[in-house]
Amino acid sequence: MTETHPKQLLHLVIGGELEDIKDITFKDLNAVDIVGVYPNYAAAYAVWKQKAQMTVDNAEMRYFIVHLHKLLEPEHH
């Protein structure tokens, strides 16, 4: 019997304080919060939303979802 697994569409959640909220340049790369890698967008979004809500009082703090699967296999996207 063959076991099938859904294709992993890896997503990375990262965040940190930005130099300017109109750009995506972190103030301090050593302080970037690498939250984790998740198997799909839904899981990454849930964590992103939680982290974003925890830092809502800091206007310079931003969290992002990086679509790793698009970087790892660009020919498929």
N, C-alpha and C. Protein backbone atom coordinates (compact mmCIF):
# COMPACT_ATOMS: atom_id res chain seq x y z
N MET A 1 0.85 -1.18 0.00
CA MET A 1 0.00 0.00 0.00
C MET A 1 0.89 1.23 0.00
N THR A 2 0.60 2.18 -0.89
CA THR A 2 1.37 3.40 -0.98
C THR A 2 0.70 4.50 -0.18
N GLU A 3 1.48 5.13 0.67
CA GLU A 3 0.96 6.23 1.47
C GLU A 3 1.23 7.54 0.73
N THR A 4 0.20 8.36 0.59
CA THR A 4 0.39 9.63 -0.10
C THR A 4 0.42 10.76 0.91
N HIS A 5 1.31 11.70 0.68
CA HIS A 5 1.43 12.88 1.53
C HIS A 5 1.18 14.10 0.68
N PRO A 6 0.47 15.07 1.24
CA PRO A 6 0.28 16.30 0.46
C PRO A 6 1.63 16.98 0.24
N LYS A 7 1.76 17.64 -0.90
CA LYS A 7 3.00 18.33 -1.21
C LYS A 7 3.22 19.45 -0.20
N GLN A 8 4.44 19.51 0.32
CA GLN A 8 4.76 20.58 1.25
C GLN A 8 4.98 21.88 0.48
N LEU A 9 4.27 22.90 0.89
CA LEU A 9 4.47 24.24 0.34
C LEU A 9 5.04 25.08 1.49
N LEU A 10 6.33 24.96 1.69
CA LEU A 10 6.98 25.56 2.85
C LEU A 10 6.88 27.08 2.87
N HIS A 11 6.60 27.61 4.06
CA HIS A 11 6.51 29.05 4.29
C HIS A 11 7.31 29.39 5.55
N LEU A 12 8.01 30.49 5.49
CA LEU A 12 8.83 30.99 6.61
C LEU A 12 8.17 32.24 7.17
N VAL A 13 8.08 32.32 8.50
CA VAL A 13 7.56 33.52 9.15
C VAL A 13 8.72 34.20 9.86
N ILE A 14 8.97 35.47 9.50
CA ILE A 14 10.03 36.26 10.13
C ILE A 14 9.48 37.64 10.45
N GLY A 15 10.17 38.33 11.36
CA GLY A 15 9.74 39.69 11.68
C GLY A 15 10.84 40.47 12.36
N GLY A 16 10.61 41.74 12.46
CA GLY A 16 11.56 42.61 13.13
C GLY A 16 11.20 44.06 12.93
N GLU A 17 11.97 44.92 13.59
CA GLU A 17 11.74 46.35 13.45
C GLU A 17 12.33 46.84 12.14
N LEU A 18 11.58 47.68 11.46
CA LEU A 18 12.01 48.22 10.17
C LEU A 18 12.61 49.60 10.34
N GLU A 19 13.54 49.94 9.45
CA GLU A 19 14.11 51.29 9.45
C GLU A 19 13.04 52.31 9.06
N ASP A 20 12.19 51.94 8.10
CA ASP A 20 11.13 52.81 7.61
C ASP A 20 9.95 51.91 7.27
N ILE A 21 8.78 52.23 7.74
CA ILE A 21 7.62 51.35 7.53
C ILE A 21 7.17 51.29 6.08
N LYS A 22 7.73 52.15 5.23
CA LYS A 22 7.41 52.12 3.81
C LYS A 22 8.35 51.20 3.03
N ASP A 23 9.27 50.56 3.72
CA ASP A 23 10.29 49.72 3.07
C ASP A 23 10.41 48.41 3.85
N ILE A 24 11.19 47.49 3.35
CA ILE A 24 11.41 46.21 4.03
C ILE A 24 12.90 46.08 4.36
N THR A 25 13.43 47.04 5.09
CA THR A 25 14.81 46.99 5.55
C THR A 25 14.79 46.94 7.07
N PHE A 26 15.31 45.85 7.61
CA PHE A 26 15.31 45.70 9.06
C PHE A 26 16.36 46.60 9.70
N LYS A 27 16.03 47.14 10.88
CA LYS A 27 16.97 47.98 11.63
C LYS A 27 18.21 47.20 12.03
N ASP A 28 17.99 45.98 12.51
CA ASP A 28 19.09 45.17 13.04
C ASP A 28 18.87 43.71 12.63
N LEU A 29 19.66 43.23 11.67
CA LEU A 29 19.50 41.85 11.20
C LEU A 29 19.74 40.83 12.31
N ASN A 30 20.56 41.18 13.29
CA ASN A 30 20.80 40.26 14.42
C ASN A 30 19.58 40.12 15.31
N ALA A 31 18.65 41.06 15.22
CA ALA A 31 17.46 41.02 16.06
C ALA A 31 16.23 40.50 15.32
N VAL A 32 16.39 40.07 14.07
CA VAL A 32 15.25 39.55 13.32
C VAL A 32 14.72 38.28 14.01
N ASP A 33 13.42 38.24 14.18
CA ASP A 33 12.76 37.11 14.81
C ASP A 33 12.43 36.08 13.73
N ILE A 34 13.20 35.00 13.70
CA ILE A 34 12.92 33.90 12.77
C ILE A 34 11.97 32.96 13.51
N VAL A 35 10.69 33.12 13.22
CA VAL A 35 9.65 32.42 13.97
C VAL A 35 9.65 30.93 13.65
N GLY A 36 9.67 30.59 12.36
CA GLY A 36 9.69 29.18 12.01
C GLY A 36 9.27 28.91 10.57
N VAL A 37 9.38 27.65 10.20
CA VAL A 37 8.99 27.18 8.87
C VAL A 37 7.74 26.32 9.03
N TYR A 38 6.78 26.53 8.14
CA TYR A 38 5.49 25.86 8.25
C TYR A 38 5.15 25.15 6.94
N PRO A 39 4.38 24.06 7.01
CA PRO A 39 4.15 23.21 5.84
C PRO A 39 3.17 23.76 4.82
N ASN A 40 2.46 24.83 5.16
CA ASN A 40 1.50 25.41 4.22
C ASN A 40 1.19 26.84 4.64
N TYR A 41 0.51 27.56 3.75
CA TYR A 41 0.21 28.96 4.01
C TYR A 41 -0.71 29.15 5.20
N ALA A 42 -1.70 28.29 5.34
CA ALA A 42 -2.66 28.43 6.44
C ALA A 42 -1.97 28.38 7.80
N ALA A 43 -1.06 27.44 7.96
CA ALA A 43 -0.33 27.32 9.23
C ALA A 43 0.57 28.55 9.46
N ALA A 44 1.24 28.99 8.40
CA ALA A 44 2.10 30.17 8.51
C ALA A 44 1.26 31.41 8.83
N TYR A 45 0.12 31.55 8.19
CA TYR A 45 -0.74 32.70 8.41
C TYR A 45 -1.22 32.77 9.86
N ALA A 46 -1.59 31.64 10.43
CA ALA A 46 -2.05 31.62 11.82
C ALA A 46 -0.96 32.13 12.77
N VAL A 47 0.27 31.69 12.55
CA VAL A 47 1.38 32.14 13.39
C VAL A 47 1.70 33.61 13.12
N TRP A 48 1.71 34.00 11.85
CA TRP A 48 1.96 35.39 11.48
C TRP A 48 0.96 36.32 12.17
N LYS A 49 -0.30 35.94 12.12
CA LYS A 49 -1.36 36.77 12.72
C LYS A 49 -1.15 36.91 14.22
N GLN A 50 -0.80 35.82 14.88
CA GLN A 50 -0.56 35.85 16.32
C GLN A 50 0.62 36.78 16.65
N LYS A 51 1.72 36.64 15.92
CA LYS A 51 2.91 37.48 16.17
C LYS A 51 2.61 38.95 15.88
N ALA A 52 1.88 39.21 14.79
CA ALA A 52 1.54 40.59 14.43
C ALA A 52 0.66 41.22 15.51
N GLN A 53 -0.28 40.48 16.04
CA GLN A 53 -1.16 41.00 17.09
C GLN A 53 -0.40 41.26 18.38
N MET A 54 0.61 40.46 18.66
CA MET A 54 1.41 40.64 19.88
C MET A 54 2.25 41.91 19.82
N THR A 55 2.54 42.40 18.62
CA THR A 55 3.41 43.57 18.47
C THR A 55 2.67 44.77 17.90
N VAL A 56 1.36 44.79 18.00
CA VAL A 56 0.55 45.83 17.38
C VAL A 56 0.90 47.23 17.92
N ASP A 57 1.41 47.33 19.12
CA ASP A 57 1.75 48.63 19.71
C ASP A 57 3.05 49.22 19.17
N ASN A 58 3.84 48.44 18.45
CA ASN A 58 5.10 48.93 17.89
C ASN A 58 4.90 49.12 16.39
N ALA A 59 4.75 50.38 15.97
CA ALA A 59 4.46 50.69 14.56
C ALA A 59 5.58 50.28 13.61
N GLU A 60 6.80 50.13 14.12
CA GLU A 60 7.94 49.78 13.26
C GLU A 60 8.16 48.27 13.16
N MET A 61 7.43 47.50 13.93
CA MET A 61 7.59 46.05 13.95
C MET A 61 6.67 45.43 12.90
N ARG A 62 7.25 44.57 12.05
CA ARG A 62 6.46 43.90 11.01
C ARG A 62 6.86 42.43 10.94
N TYR A 63 5.88 41.61 10.66
CA TYR A 63 6.10 40.18 10.41
C TYR A 63 5.72 39.88 8.98
N PHE A 64 6.43 38.93 8.39
CA PHE A 64 6.24 38.59 6.98
C PHE A 64 6.14 37.08 6.81
N ILE A 65 5.43 36.68 5.77
CA ILE A 65 5.38 35.28 5.36
C ILE A 65 6.17 35.19 4.06
N VAL A 66 7.21 34.37 4.06
CA VAL A 66 8.04 34.17 2.87
C VAL A 66 7.65 32.82 2.27
N HIS A 67 7.31 32.83 1.00
CA HIS A 67 6.91 31.61 0.30
C HIS A 67 8.16 30.84 -0.13
N LEU A 68 8.70 30.04 0.78
CA LEU A 68 9.93 29.30 0.49
C LEU A 68 9.77 28.35 -0.68
N HIS A 69 8.61 27.76 -0.83
CA HIS A 69 8.40 26.79 -1.91
C HIS A 69 8.59 27.45 -3.28
N LYS A 70 8.30 28.74 -3.39
CA LYS A 70 8.50 29.45 -4.66
C LYS A 70 9.99 29.70 -4.92
N LEU A 71 10.75 29.84 -3.86
CA LEU A 71 12.20 30.04 -4.00
C LEU A 71 12.91 28.72 -4.28
N LEU A 72 12.42 27.64 -3.68
CA LEU A 72 13.05 26.34 -3.83
C LEU A 72 12.75 25.70 -5.18
N GLU A 73 11.56 25.97 -5.70
CA GLU A 73 11.16 25.39 -6.99
C GLU A 73 10.52 26.46 -7.88
N PRO A 74 11.29 27.44 -8.30
CA PRO A 74 10.70 28.55 -9.06
C PRO A 74 10.06 28.13 -10.39
N GLU A 75 10.49 27.03 -10.96
CA GLU A 75 9.93 26.60 -12.25
C GLU A 75 8.49 26.11 -12.10
N HIS A 76 8.05 25.83 -10.89
CA HIS A 76 6.68 25.33 -10.66
C HIS A 76 5.71 26.45 -10.31
N HIS A 77 6.17 27.69 -10.29
CA HIS A 77 5.28 28.79 -9.86
C HIS A 77 5.33 29.93 -10.81
